[in-house]
């Protein structure tokens, strides 16, 4: 379902009426990051049955920790890519308010 929604958004972004490709490129970078996150999460989750059948409880715990950390890692990767490729600023938001920025563009 999410993949279908992502494809629909990507298709709308390819609308020939858009004149600035930067918006599409940023959206594509974010979509790439989401797809990477989703793929890695599913790969790790798919191995759960084998770990359960082999009573690999330590492996299960390790995989659970990894899955919990996946989101933060993917967000950091996406932010780094946006900064590197699009000179986006680096802002950290907490409780709905900006806590710190590396540029004044926030």
N, C-alpha and C. Protein backbone atom coordinates (compact mmCIF):
# COMPACT_ATOMS: atom_id res chain seq x y z
N UNK A 1 0.82 -1.19 0.00
CA UNK A 1 0.00 0.00 0.00
C UNK A 1 0.87 1.26 0.00
N UNK A 2 1.90 1.30 0.89
CA UNK A 2 2.77 2.47 0.94
C UNK A 2 3.53 2.64 -0.36
N UNK A 3 3.99 1.53 -0.91
CA UNK A 3 4.75 1.60 -2.16
C UNK A 3 3.88 2.17 -3.28
N UNK A 4 2.60 1.77 -3.31
CA UNK A 4 1.68 2.29 -4.32
C UNK A 4 1.49 3.80 -4.14
N UNK A 5 1.34 4.22 -2.89
CA UNK A 5 1.17 5.64 -2.61
C UNK A 5 2.43 6.41 -3.02
N UNK A 6 3.59 5.85 -2.73
CA UNK A 6 4.85 6.49 -3.08
C UNK A 6 4.98 6.62 -4.60
N UNK A 7 4.58 5.58 -5.32
CA UNK A 7 4.64 5.65 -6.79
C UNK A 7 3.69 6.72 -7.32
N UNK A 8 2.51 6.83 -6.72
CA UNK A 8 1.54 7.84 -7.16
C UNK A 8 2.09 9.24 -6.93
N UNK A 9 2.73 9.46 -5.79
CA UNK A 9 3.33 10.76 -5.51
C UNK A 9 4.45 11.05 -6.49
N UNK A 10 5.29 10.04 -6.73
CA UNK A 10 6.40 10.22 -7.68
C UNK A 10 5.87 10.55 -9.07
N UNK A 11 4.79 9.91 -9.48
CA UNK A 11 4.21 10.17 -10.79
C UNK A 11 3.70 11.61 -10.88
N UNK A 12 3.05 12.08 -9.82
CA UNK A 12 2.56 13.47 -9.82
C UNK A 12 3.72 14.44 -9.89
N UNK A 13 4.84 14.09 -9.24
CA UNK A 13 6.00 14.97 -9.25
C UNK A 13 6.65 15.05 -10.63
N UNK A 14 6.39 14.06 -11.45
CA UNK A 14 6.95 14.06 -12.81
C UNK A 14 6.08 14.88 -13.77
N UNK A 15 5.07 15.51 -13.24
CA UNK A 15 4.15 16.32 -14.04
C UNK A 15 4.96 17.32 -14.87
N UNK A 16 4.76 17.34 -16.19
CA UNK A 16 5.55 18.23 -17.05
C UNK A 16 5.32 19.70 -16.77
N UNK A 17 4.29 20.05 -16.03
CA UNK A 17 4.04 21.45 -15.72
C UNK A 17 5.01 21.98 -14.67
N UNK A 18 5.70 21.08 -13.97
CA UNK A 18 6.69 21.54 -13.00
C UNK A 18 7.90 22.07 -13.75
N UNK A 19 8.33 23.26 -13.39
CA UNK A 19 9.44 23.88 -14.11
C UNK A 19 10.76 23.81 -13.35
N UNK A 20 10.71 23.56 -12.06
CA UNK A 20 11.93 23.49 -11.25
C UNK A 20 12.19 22.04 -10.88
N UNK A 21 13.22 21.45 -11.46
CA UNK A 21 13.51 20.04 -11.20
C UNK A 21 14.06 19.81 -9.79
N UNK A 22 14.49 20.85 -9.12
CA UNK A 22 15.05 20.70 -7.78
C UNK A 22 14.02 20.08 -6.82
N UNK A 23 12.78 20.49 -6.92
CA UNK A 23 11.73 19.93 -6.07
C UNK A 23 11.58 18.43 -6.31
N UNK A 24 11.59 18.03 -7.58
CA UNK A 24 11.50 16.60 -7.89
C UNK A 24 12.72 15.87 -7.36
N UNK A 25 13.90 16.45 -7.53
CA UNK A 25 15.13 15.79 -7.08
C UNK A 25 15.13 15.61 -5.56
N UNK A 26 14.65 16.60 -4.83
CA UNK A 26 14.57 16.48 -3.37
C UNK A 26 13.57 15.41 -2.99
N UNK A 27 12.40 15.43 -3.64
CA UNK A 27 11.39 14.41 -3.35
C UNK A 27 11.92 13.02 -3.67
N UNK A 28 12.65 12.89 -4.77
CA UNK A 28 13.22 11.59 -5.14
C UNK A 28 14.24 11.13 -4.11
N UNK A 29 15.05 12.05 -3.60
CA UNK A 29 16.03 11.71 -2.57
C UNK A 29 15.32 11.20 -1.31
N UNK A 30 14.23 11.85 -0.93
CA UNK A 30 13.47 11.40 0.24
C UNK A 30 12.83 10.04 -0.02
N UNK A 31 12.29 9.87 -1.21
CA UNK A 31 11.68 8.59 -1.57
C UNK A 31 12.72 7.47 -1.59
N UNK A 32 13.90 7.76 -2.10
CA UNK A 32 14.99 6.78 -2.08
C UNK A 32 15.32 6.38 -0.64
N UNK A 33 15.37 7.35 0.24
CA UNK A 33 15.66 7.07 1.64
C UNK A 33 14.57 6.20 2.27
N UNK A 34 13.32 6.51 1.97
CA UNK A 34 12.22 5.71 2.50
C UNK A 34 12.30 4.28 1.98
N UNK A 35 12.54 4.14 0.68
CA UNK A 35 12.61 2.80 0.09
C UNK A 35 13.75 1.98 0.70
N UNK A 36 14.88 2.64 0.97
CA UNK A 36 16.00 1.94 1.62
C UNK A 36 15.58 1.49 3.01
N UNK A 37 14.96 2.38 3.77
CA UNK A 37 14.50 2.04 5.12
C UNK A 37 13.54 0.86 5.08
N UNK A 38 12.58 0.92 4.20
CA UNK A 38 11.55 -0.11 4.11
C UNK A 38 12.16 -1.47 3.74
N UNK A 39 13.10 -1.45 2.77
CA UNK A 39 13.75 -2.68 2.33
C UNK A 39 14.56 -3.31 3.47
N UNK A 40 15.36 -2.50 4.15
CA UNK A 40 16.20 -3.03 5.24
C UNK A 40 15.34 -3.53 6.40
N UNK A 41 14.28 -2.81 6.71
CA UNK A 41 13.38 -3.23 7.79
C UNK A 41 12.74 -4.56 7.45
N UNK A 42 12.27 -4.70 6.23
CA UNK A 42 11.62 -5.95 5.82
C UNK A 42 12.61 -7.11 5.79
N UNK A 43 13.83 -6.86 5.32
CA UNK A 43 14.84 -7.92 5.29
C UNK A 43 15.13 -8.44 6.69
N UNK A 44 15.30 -7.53 7.63
CA UNK A 44 15.57 -7.92 9.00
C UNK A 44 14.38 -8.65 9.60
N UNK A 45 13.19 -8.15 9.34
CA UNK A 45 11.98 -8.79 9.87
C UNK A 45 11.76 -10.17 9.27
N UNK A 46 12.11 -10.34 8.00
CA UNK A 46 11.91 -11.62 7.33
C UNK A 46 12.76 -12.72 7.95
N UNK A 47 13.83 -12.38 8.56
CA UNK A 47 14.71 -13.37 9.18
C UNK A 47 14.22 -13.80 10.56
N UNK A 48 13.17 -13.14 11.05
CA UNK A 48 12.66 -13.44 12.40
C UNK A 48 12.19 -14.88 12.53
N UNK A 49 11.53 -15.41 11.51
CA UNK A 49 11.02 -16.78 11.58
C UNK A 49 12.17 -17.77 11.78
N UNK A 50 13.24 -17.60 11.01
CA UNK A 50 14.40 -18.49 11.14
C UNK A 50 15.00 -18.38 12.53
N UNK A 51 15.16 -17.15 13.03
CA UNK A 51 15.73 -16.99 14.37
C UNK A 51 14.85 -17.63 15.43
N UNK A 52 13.54 -17.50 15.26
CA UNK A 52 12.61 -18.11 16.22
C UNK A 52 12.73 -19.63 16.17
N UNK A 53 12.72 -20.19 14.98
CA UNK A 53 12.80 -21.65 14.83
C UNK A 53 14.11 -22.21 15.38
N UNK A 54 15.16 -21.43 15.29
CA UNK A 54 16.46 -21.87 15.80
C UNK A 54 16.68 -21.46 17.26
N UNK A 55 15.67 -20.89 17.85
CA UNK A 55 15.75 -20.42 19.25
C UNK A 55 16.93 -19.47 19.45
N UNK A 56 17.16 -18.63 18.45
CA UNK A 56 18.24 -17.65 18.50
C UNK A 56 17.72 -16.39 19.18
N UNK A 57 17.57 -16.46 20.51
CA UNK A 57 16.96 -15.36 21.24
C UNK A 57 17.85 -14.12 21.25
N UNK A 58 19.16 -14.33 21.34
CA UNK A 58 20.06 -13.18 21.30
C UNK A 58 20.00 -12.50 19.93
N UNK A 59 19.91 -13.31 18.89
CA UNK A 59 19.76 -12.76 17.54
C UNK A 59 18.46 -11.99 17.39
N UNK A 60 17.39 -12.50 18.00
CA UNK A 60 16.10 -11.81 17.96
C UNK A 60 16.21 -10.46 18.66
N UNK A 61 16.83 -10.43 19.81
CA UNK A 61 16.98 -9.19 20.55
C UNK A 61 17.82 -8.18 19.77
N UNK A 62 18.91 -8.66 19.18
CA UNK A 62 19.77 -7.79 18.39
C UNK A 62 19.00 -7.21 17.20
N UNK A 63 18.22 -8.06 16.51
CA UNK A 63 17.45 -7.60 15.36
C UNK A 63 16.39 -6.58 15.78
N UNK A 64 15.79 -6.79 16.94
CA UNK A 64 14.80 -5.83 17.42
C UNK A 64 15.44 -4.48 17.70
N UNK A 65 16.61 -4.49 18.32
CA UNK A 65 17.32 -3.22 18.56
C UNK A 65 17.65 -2.53 17.24
N UNK A 66 18.11 -3.31 16.27
CA UNK A 66 18.45 -2.75 14.96
C UNK A 66 17.23 -2.12 14.30
N UNK A 67 16.11 -2.82 14.34
CA UNK A 67 14.90 -2.28 13.72
C UNK A 67 14.46 -0.98 14.39
N UNK A 68 14.60 -0.92 15.70
CA UNK A 68 14.24 0.31 16.41
C UNK A 68 15.15 1.46 15.98
N UNK A 69 16.42 1.18 15.74
CA UNK A 69 17.38 2.20 15.34
C UNK A 69 17.29 2.57 13.86
N UNK A 70 16.66 1.72 13.06
CA UNK A 70 16.61 1.95 11.61
C UNK A 70 16.07 3.34 11.26
N UNK A 71 14.97 3.72 11.88
CA UNK A 71 14.33 4.97 11.51
C UNK A 71 15.27 6.15 11.72
N UNK A 72 15.88 6.25 12.90
CA UNK A 72 16.79 7.36 13.17
C UNK A 72 17.97 7.37 12.21
N UNK A 73 18.48 6.19 11.91
CA UNK A 73 19.61 6.11 10.96
C UNK A 73 19.19 6.60 9.58
N UNK A 74 18.02 6.19 9.13
CA UNK A 74 17.57 6.60 7.79
C UNK A 74 17.29 8.10 7.75
N UNK A 75 16.75 8.66 8.83
CA UNK A 75 16.51 10.11 8.88
C UNK A 75 17.84 10.84 8.81
N UNK A 76 18.82 10.38 9.56
CA UNK A 76 20.15 11.00 9.52
C UNK A 76 20.76 10.91 8.13
N UNK A 77 20.63 9.74 7.48
CA UNK A 77 21.15 9.58 6.12
C UNK A 77 20.46 10.53 5.15
N UNK A 78 19.15 10.65 5.28
CA UNK A 78 18.40 11.54 4.37
C UNK A 78 18.81 12.99 4.60
N UNK A 79 18.94 13.40 5.86
CA UNK A 79 19.35 14.77 6.16
C UNK A 79 20.74 15.06 5.60
N UNK A 80 21.64 14.10 5.76
CA UNK A 80 23.00 14.27 5.23
C UNK A 80 22.98 14.41 3.71
N UNK A 81 22.17 13.58 3.05
CA UNK A 81 22.09 13.66 1.58
C UNK A 81 21.51 15.00 1.14
N UNK A 82 20.47 15.46 1.83
CA UNK A 82 19.87 16.75 1.46
C UNK A 82 20.86 17.89 1.68
N UNK A 83 21.63 17.83 2.75
CA UNK A 83 22.65 18.85 3.00
C UNK A 83 23.73 18.83 1.93
N UNK A 84 24.17 17.64 1.60
CA UNK A 84 25.27 17.48 0.64
C UNK A 84 24.86 17.85 -0.78
N UNK A 85 23.72 17.32 -1.23
CA UNK A 85 23.32 17.50 -2.62
C UNK A 85 22.53 18.77 -2.88
N UNK A 86 21.83 19.29 -1.85
CA UNK A 86 20.93 20.42 -2.08
C UNK A 86 21.23 21.59 -1.15
N UNK A 87 22.33 21.53 -0.42
CA UNK A 87 22.73 22.57 0.52
C UNK A 87 21.59 22.93 1.48
N UNK A 88 20.87 21.91 1.91
CA UNK A 88 19.79 22.12 2.88
C UNK A 88 20.41 22.38 4.25
N UNK A 89 19.73 23.16 5.05
CA UNK A 89 20.24 23.44 6.39
C UNK A 89 19.97 22.25 7.30
N UNK A 90 20.63 22.22 8.42
CA UNK A 90 20.47 21.14 9.37
C UNK A 90 19.78 21.68 10.62
N UNK A 91 18.51 21.40 10.76
CA UNK A 91 17.75 21.84 11.92
C UNK A 91 17.30 20.64 12.72
N UNK A 92 17.31 20.78 14.01
CA UNK A 92 16.79 19.75 14.90
C UNK A 92 15.55 20.33 15.55
N UNK A 93 14.46 19.60 15.47
CA UNK A 93 13.19 20.08 16.03
C UNK A 93 12.84 19.21 17.23
N UNK A 94 12.46 19.85 18.31
CA UNK A 94 12.01 19.12 19.48
C UNK A 94 10.72 19.74 19.98
N UNK A 95 9.75 18.93 20.24
CA UNK A 95 8.46 19.38 20.77
C UNK A 95 7.88 20.53 19.96
N UNK A 96 8.03 20.46 18.66
CA UNK A 96 7.41 21.46 17.78
C UNK A 96 8.16 22.77 17.68
N UNK A 97 9.33 22.91 18.28
CA UNK A 97 10.06 24.17 18.15
C UNK A 97 11.50 23.88 17.76
N UNK A 98 12.08 24.78 16.99
CA UNK A 98 13.44 24.60 16.52
C UNK A 98 14.40 24.66 17.71
N UNK A 99 15.26 23.68 17.81
CA UNK A 99 16.21 23.69 18.93
C UNK A 99 17.60 24.14 18.49
N UNK A 100 18.01 23.82 17.26
CA UNK A 100 19.32 24.27 16.79
C UNK A 100 19.39 24.16 15.28
N UNK A 101 20.15 25.04 14.68
CA UNK A 101 20.35 25.03 13.22
C UNK A 101 21.80 25.34 12.92
N UNK A 102 22.29 24.76 11.82
CA UNK A 102 23.66 25.07 11.43
C UNK A 102 23.72 26.26 10.49
N UNK A 103 22.57 26.68 9.97
CA UNK A 103 22.53 27.87 9.12
C UNK A 103 21.37 28.74 9.57
N UNK A 104 21.32 29.94 9.08
CA UNK A 104 20.22 30.83 9.44
C UNK A 104 19.02 30.64 8.53
N UNK A 105 19.05 29.63 7.67
CA UNK A 105 17.98 29.41 6.71
C UNK A 105 16.73 28.77 7.32
N UNK A 106 16.79 28.35 8.54
CA UNK A 106 15.65 27.65 9.18
C UNK A 106 14.60 28.64 9.63
